[in-house]
Amino acid sequence: MTWHITEDAEAFRAAAVDHFAADPARNTVLLTVSEGARRRPLESGRYGWWAEPDGRVTGAFLFTLRHEPALGPMPAVAARALAHVLPDAAELTGVRGEEETAEAFARELCRVSGRTWATARRMRLHRLGDLTPPDPAPPGRARVAGAADIPLAVEWMRQFARDIGEEADVDFTPNIEPRVAEGRLHLWQTDEAGPVSMASVSRIVAGQARVSPVFTPAEQRGRGYAAAVTTAVTRAALDAGAAQVLLFTDVANPTSNALYRRLGYRPVIDHVGLTIT
């Protein structure tokens, strides 16, 4: 049993293809991020897969941020072993993944390094059952974002990052532009206020697509716009051929969890974001 680590997204996807296909929902982050990296290489650019003695891949990871790996589902022994072979492990500031996996990794890393870890955020992965649009729908209509909407979407993405505790002082233009170019970013718009909410969906990979982000400015919240634009982008993913539509919620936010349940999303498994100090 061993880890294989590479900077080649294509090699990573080829090695782990059967592992991902067995459960694309639980591997959604790894699938969508590596798919994007095939088109626009990530600055971090590190990927890995865990191979059993018979060659089967039963775990994988990649870096979404320079010092923060995202772990897919894997055996606990693989998570602990990764703490010993991961390059620059001493520089890690966090880890994300399913709760049991991420904690096994963090516990082993801190055991051998003398560092400490703590839970910074709890998230819940949801999968769409039967889509149930809001009734009544709020005023306005959904539309696909265009090039003229990019500056607004970039600013909203910055606010979204700040709201969820992510790094916000970055240029989100490279993140937004492909979403707009590919028609994956939708806005909810009213006659009085113009755009009031946005939602995007990932490319369809292995039959699944993930809704993220969903954002409504603070002054427009509580009016049903997020539910409406999420419904629109979910329908778009289904119409494009997605067999599964997924999204994450913050476990600590009862409003968003209740909203997505009303729309037909059902819990799959909990994830955590851990800090390592």
Protein backbone atom coordinates (compact mmCIF):
# COMPACT_ATOMS: atom_id res chain seq x y z
CA MET A 1 0.00 0.00 0.00
CA THR A 2 1.49 3.31 -1.00
CA TRP A 3 0.87 6.92 -1.97
CA HIS A 4 1.72 8.16 -5.45
CA ILE A 5 2.14 11.95 -5.70
CA THR A 6 2.32 13.96 -8.92
CA GLU A 7 1.93 17.46 -10.32
CA ASP A 8 0.16 16.09 -13.42
CA ALA A 9 -3.63 16.45 -13.24
CA GLU A 10 -4.09 14.15 -16.26
CA ALA A 11 -2.04 11.38 -14.68
CA PHE A 12 -3.99 11.81 -11.44
CA ARG A 13 -7.35 11.51 -13.17
CA ALA A 14 -6.22 8.50 -15.20
CA ALA A 15 -4.91 6.65 -12.15
CA ALA A 16 -7.99 7.31 -10.01
CA VAL A 17 -10.69 7.06 -12.70
CA ASP A 18 -12.25 3.84 -11.38
CA HIS A 19 -12.10 5.06 -7.78
CA PHE A 20 -13.89 8.27 -8.70
CA ALA A 21 -16.47 6.46 -10.82
CA ALA A 22 -17.40 4.20 -7.91
CA ASP A 23 -18.68 7.19 -5.86
CA PRO A 24 -18.53 10.49 -7.76
CA ALA A 25 -20.65 12.32 -5.18
CA ARG A 26 -18.22 11.76 -2.31
CA ASN A 27 -15.33 12.65 -4.62
CA THR A 28 -17.03 15.77 -5.98
CA VAL A 29 -14.37 18.26 -4.84
CA LEU A 30 -11.52 16.22 -6.29
CA LEU A 31 -13.39 15.70 -9.55
CA THR A 32 -14.39 19.31 -10.13
CA VAL A 33 -11.08 20.82 -9.04
CA SER A 34 -8.97 18.42 -11.11
CA GLU A 35 -11.23 18.97 -14.11
CA GLY A 36 -10.63 22.70 -13.83
CA ALA A 37 -6.89 22.12 -13.45
CA ARG A 38 -6.81 20.25 -16.74
CA ARG A 39 -7.87 23.49 -18.41
CA ARG A 40 -6.05 25.97 -16.15
CA PRO A 41 -3.26 24.47 -14.03
CA LEU A 42 -3.49 25.17 -10.31
CA GLU A 43 -0.74 27.13 -8.62
CA SER A 44 -0.40 24.36 -6.02
CA GLY A 45 -0.55 21.55 -8.59
CA ARG A 46 -0.16 18.51 -6.34
CA TYR A 47 -2.29 15.38 -6.52
CA GLY A 48 -2.05 11.90 -5.05
CA TRP A 49 -3.70 8.50 -4.97
CA TRP A 50 -3.47 5.57 -2.55
CA ALA A 51 -2.91 2.17 -4.17
CA GLU A 52 -3.65 -1.16 -2.51
CA PRO A 53 -1.29 -4.14 -3.01
CA ASP A 54 -3.45 -5.34 -5.91
CA GLY A 55 -3.22 -1.92 -7.59
CA ARG A 56 -6.74 -0.74 -6.75
CA VAL A 57 -6.98 2.95 -5.90
CA THR A 58 -8.99 3.48 -2.70
CA GLY A 59 -8.17 7.08 -1.82
CA ALA A 60 -7.02 10.38 -3.32
CA PHE A 61 -6.22 13.98 -2.44
CA LEU A 62 -5.31 17.26 -4.08
CA PHE A 63 -4.48 20.78 -3.01
CA THR A 64 -7.17 23.41 -3.45
CA LEU A 65 -4.97 25.97 -1.65
CA ARG A 66 -1.18 26.05 -1.43
CA HIS A 67 -1.01 24.83 2.18
CA GLU A 68 -4.35 23.03 2.52
CA PRO A 69 -5.04 19.61 0.99
CA ALA A 70 -8.54 18.36 0.23
CA LEU A 71 -8.91 14.67 1.04
CA GLY A 72 -11.36 12.38 -0.68
CA PRO A 73 -12.80 9.30 1.01
CA MET A 74 -10.03 6.85 1.91
CA PRO A 75 -9.11 4.20 4.49
CA ALA A 76 -7.90 5.58 7.82
CA VAL A 77 -4.52 3.91 7.27
CA ALA A 78 -4.13 5.93 4.07
CA ALA A 79 -4.95 9.20 5.83
CA ARG A 80 -2.36 8.48 8.53
CA ALA A 81 0.26 7.43 5.98
CA LEU A 82 -0.28 10.64 4.00
CA ALA A 83 0.86 12.66 7.01
CA HIS A 84 4.30 11.05 6.66
CA VAL A 85 4.83 11.43 2.89
CA LEU A 86 3.15 14.69 1.97
CA PRO A 87 5.71 17.23 0.70
CA ASP A 88 6.01 20.36 2.84
CA ALA A 89 3.81 18.83 5.55
CA ALA A 90 5.38 21.17 8.09
CA GLU A 91 3.94 24.16 6.22
CA LEU A 92 0.33 22.97 6.16
CA THR A 93 -2.17 25.36 7.70
CA GLY A 94 -5.25 23.17 7.35
CA VAL A 95 -6.96 20.18 5.76
CA ARG A 96 -10.44 19.49 4.43
CA GLY A 97 -12.39 16.32 3.89
CA GLU A 98 -14.89 13.93 5.37
CA GLU A 99 -14.77 14.25 9.14
CA GLU A 100 -13.24 10.88 10.03
CA THR A 101 -10.64 11.07 7.25
CA ALA A 102 -9.54 14.66 7.89
CA GLU A 103 -9.27 14.07 11.63
CA ALA A 104 -7.20 10.89 11.15
CA PHE A 105 -4.77 12.85 8.97
CA ALA A 106 -4.56 15.84 11.32
CA ARG A 107 -4.17 13.68 14.41
CA GLU A 108 -1.24 11.78 12.89
CA LEU A 109 0.42 14.88 11.48
CA CYS A 110 0.26 16.62 14.84
CA ARG A 111 1.43 13.51 16.69
CA VAL A 112 4.69 13.42 14.76
CA SER A 113 5.21 17.18 14.50
CA GLY A 114 4.11 18.40 17.91
CA ARG A 115 1.58 20.77 16.36
CA THR A 116 -2.12 21.11 17.22
CA TRP A 117 -5.32 21.04 15.22
CA ALA A 118 -8.84 22.36 15.68
CA THR A 119 -12.14 22.28 13.80
CA ALA A 120 -12.72 25.58 12.02
CA ARG A 121 -15.82 24.71 10.01
CA ARG A 122 -18.32 21.91 9.56
CA MET A 123 -19.97 21.39 6.17
CA ARG A 124 -22.61 18.98 4.94
CA LEU A 125 -22.70 17.49 1.45
CA HIS A 126 -26.20 17.27 -0.03
CA ARG A 127 -27.52 15.50 -3.12
CA LEU A 128 -30.67 16.47 -5.02
CA GLY A 129 -33.65 14.17 -4.74
CA ASP A 130 -36.75 15.64 -6.40
CA LEU A 131 -36.39 19.32 -7.20
CA THR A 132 -39.14 21.33 -5.47
CA PRO A 133 -39.12 24.98 -6.66
CA PRO A 134 -40.18 27.69 -4.19
CA ASP A 135 -43.91 28.34 -4.27
CA PRO A 136 -44.67 31.13 -4.59
CA ALA A 137 -41.55 32.21 -6.44
CA PRO A 138 -40.15 35.64 -5.53
CA PRO A 139 -40.50 38.56 -7.92
CA GLY A 140 -38.09 38.57 -10.83
CA ARG A 141 -36.59 36.04 -13.18
CA ALA A 142 -33.45 34.00 -13.71
CA ARG A 143 -30.97 34.72 -16.49
CA VAL A 144 -27.56 33.46 -17.50
CA ALA A 145 -24.81 35.93 -16.60
CA GLY A 146 -23.00 37.69 -19.43
CA ALA A 147 -19.65 39.40 -19.84
CA ALA A 148 -21.03 42.69 -18.51
CA ASP A 149 -21.88 40.95 -15.22
CA ILE A 150 -18.32 39.80 -14.49
CA PRO A 151 -17.28 42.79 -12.31
CA LEU A 152 -20.39 42.40 -10.14
CA ALA A 153 -19.93 38.63 -9.87
CA VAL A 154 -16.27 39.09 -8.91
CA GLU A 155 -17.24 41.49 -6.12
CA TRP A 156 -19.97 39.12 -4.92
CA MET A 157 -17.49 36.25 -4.97
CA ARG A 158 -15.20 38.30 -2.75
CA GLN A 159 -18.07 38.94 -0.33
CA PHE A 160 -19.01 35.25 -0.41
CA ALA A 161 -15.43 34.25 0.47
CA ARG A 162 -15.43 36.71 3.35
CA ASP A 163 -18.76 35.38 4.63
CA ILE A 164 -17.49 31.79 4.80
CA GLY A 165 -14.12 32.70 6.30
CA GLU A 166 -12.01 32.18 3.18
CA GLU A 167 -9.27 34.45 1.81
CA ALA A 168 -11.12 37.36 0.21
CA ASP A 169 -8.27 39.67 -0.79
CA VAL A 170 -7.64 37.96 -4.13
CA ASP A 171 -8.70 38.52 -7.73
CA PHE A 172 -11.62 36.19 -8.44
CA THR A 173 -11.80 37.16 -12.10
CA PRO A 174 -10.10 33.93 -13.30
CA ASN A 175 -12.65 32.01 -11.25
CA ILE A 176 -15.67 33.86 -12.61
CA GLU A 177 -14.73 34.26 -16.28
CA PRO A 178 -14.96 30.57 -17.28
CA ARG A 179 -18.24 30.19 -15.41
CA VAL A 180 -19.69 33.07 -17.45
CA ALA A 181 -18.14 31.94 -20.74
CA GLU A 182 -19.63 28.46 -20.31
CA GLY A 183 -23.05 29.67 -19.17
CA ARG A 184 -22.68 28.17 -15.68
CA LEU A 185 -23.34 31.35 -13.68
CA HIS A 186 -26.97 32.42 -13.23
CA LEU A 187 -28.41 35.58 -11.74
CA TRP A 188 -31.81 36.33 -10.25
CA GLN A 189 -32.93 39.77 -11.38
CA THR A 190 -35.82 42.03 -10.46
CA ASP A 191 -37.17 45.02 -12.37
CA GLU A 192 -36.58 47.33 -9.42
CA ALA A 193 -33.11 46.30 -8.23
CA GLY A 194 -31.48 44.46 -11.13
CA PRO A 195 -29.35 41.42 -10.13
CA VAL A 196 -30.09 40.43 -6.53
CA SER A 197 -28.60 36.93 -6.21
CA MET A 198 -26.27 34.54 -8.04
CA ALA A 199 -25.55 30.83 -8.21
CA SER A 200 -23.12 28.80 -10.24
CA VAL A 201 -22.64 25.14 -11.02
CA SER A 202 -19.52 23.15 -11.85
CA ARG A 203 -18.88 21.40 -15.11
CA ILE A 204 -20.46 17.95 -15.27
CA VAL A 205 -17.79 15.39 -14.42
CA ALA A 206 -18.49 11.67 -13.97
CA GLY A 207 -22.20 12.44 -14.16
CA GLN A 208 -22.22 14.87 -11.25
CA ALA A 209 -22.25 18.64 -10.95
CA ARG A 210 -21.97 20.78 -7.81
CA VAL A 211 -23.75 24.04 -7.10
CA SER A 212 -21.33 26.64 -5.71
CA PRO A 213 -21.34 29.41 -4.82
CA VAL A 214 -24.83 30.68 -3.96
CA PHE A 215 -24.71 34.30 -2.84
CA THR A 216 -27.20 37.05 -2.06
CA PRO A 217 -26.01 40.46 -0.79
CA ALA A 218 -26.99 41.10 2.80
CA GLU A 219 -29.50 43.81 1.93
CA GLN A 220 -31.43 41.42 -0.36
CA ARG A 221 -31.58 38.38 1.90
CA GLY A 222 -34.75 36.89 3.31
CA ARG A 223 -36.80 37.41 0.15
CA GLY A 224 -36.45 34.00 -1.51
CA TYR A 225 -33.92 35.03 -4.15
CA ALA A 226 -31.34 32.38 -3.19
CA ALA A 227 -33.96 29.62 -3.46
CA ALA A 228 -35.07 30.88 -6.85
CA VAL A 229 -31.61 31.20 -8.38
CA THR A 230 -30.53 27.84 -6.91
CA THR A 231 -33.58 26.26 -8.54
CA ALA A 232 -32.64 27.83 -11.86
CA VAL A 233 -29.03 26.67 -11.81
CA THR A 234 -30.07 23.19 -10.62
CA ARG A 235 -32.49 22.87 -13.54
CA ALA A 236 -29.74 23.98 -15.89
CA ALA A 237 -27.45 21.23 -14.58
CA LEU A 238 -30.19 18.61 -14.96
CA ASP A 239 -31.00 19.83 -18.47
CA ALA A 240 -27.31 19.59 -19.35
CA GLY A 241 -27.30 15.91 -18.39
CA ALA A 242 -26.15 15.77 -14.77
CA ALA A 243 -27.25 12.54 -13.11
CA GLN A 244 -26.44 13.96 -9.66
CA VAL A 245 -26.54 17.57 -8.49
CA LEU A 246 -24.73 18.30 -5.24
CA LEU A 247 -24.02 21.20 -2.91
CA PHE A 248 -22.39 21.91 0.44
CA THR A 249 -23.95 23.78 3.33
CA ASP A 250 -22.47 25.18 6.52
CA VAL A 251 -23.75 22.92 9.33
CA ALA A 252 -23.87 25.97 11.62
CA ASN A 253 -26.28 27.82 9.30
CA PRO A 254 -29.82 26.49 9.93
CA THR A 255 -31.31 28.89 7.38
CA SER A 256 -29.39 27.54 4.41
CA ASN A 257 -29.80 23.92 5.52
CA ALA A 258 -33.56 24.36 5.76
CA LEU A 259 -33.66 26.17 2.41
CA TYR A 260 -31.93 23.38 0.49
CA ARG A 261 -34.05 20.71 2.17
CA ARG A 262 -37.15 22.53 0.93
CA LEU A 263 -35.71 22.52 -2.60
CA GLY A 264 -35.22 18.75 -2.47
CA TYR A 265 -31.56 18.37 -1.44
CA ARG A 266 -30.82 15.57 1.03
CA PRO A 267 -27.76 15.06 3.31
CA VAL A 268 -25.04 12.66 2.17
CA ILE A 269 -22.12 13.06 4.60
CA ASP A 270 -20.45 15.69 6.77
CA HIS A 271 -17.12 17.35 6.00
CA VAL A 272 -14.84 19.47 8.15
CA GLY A 273 -12.28 22.17 7.62
CA LEU A 274 -9.49 21.82 10.18
CA THR A 275 -6.80 24.33 11.07
CA ILE A 276 -3.29 23.14 11.92
CA THR A 277 -1.20 25.47 14.04
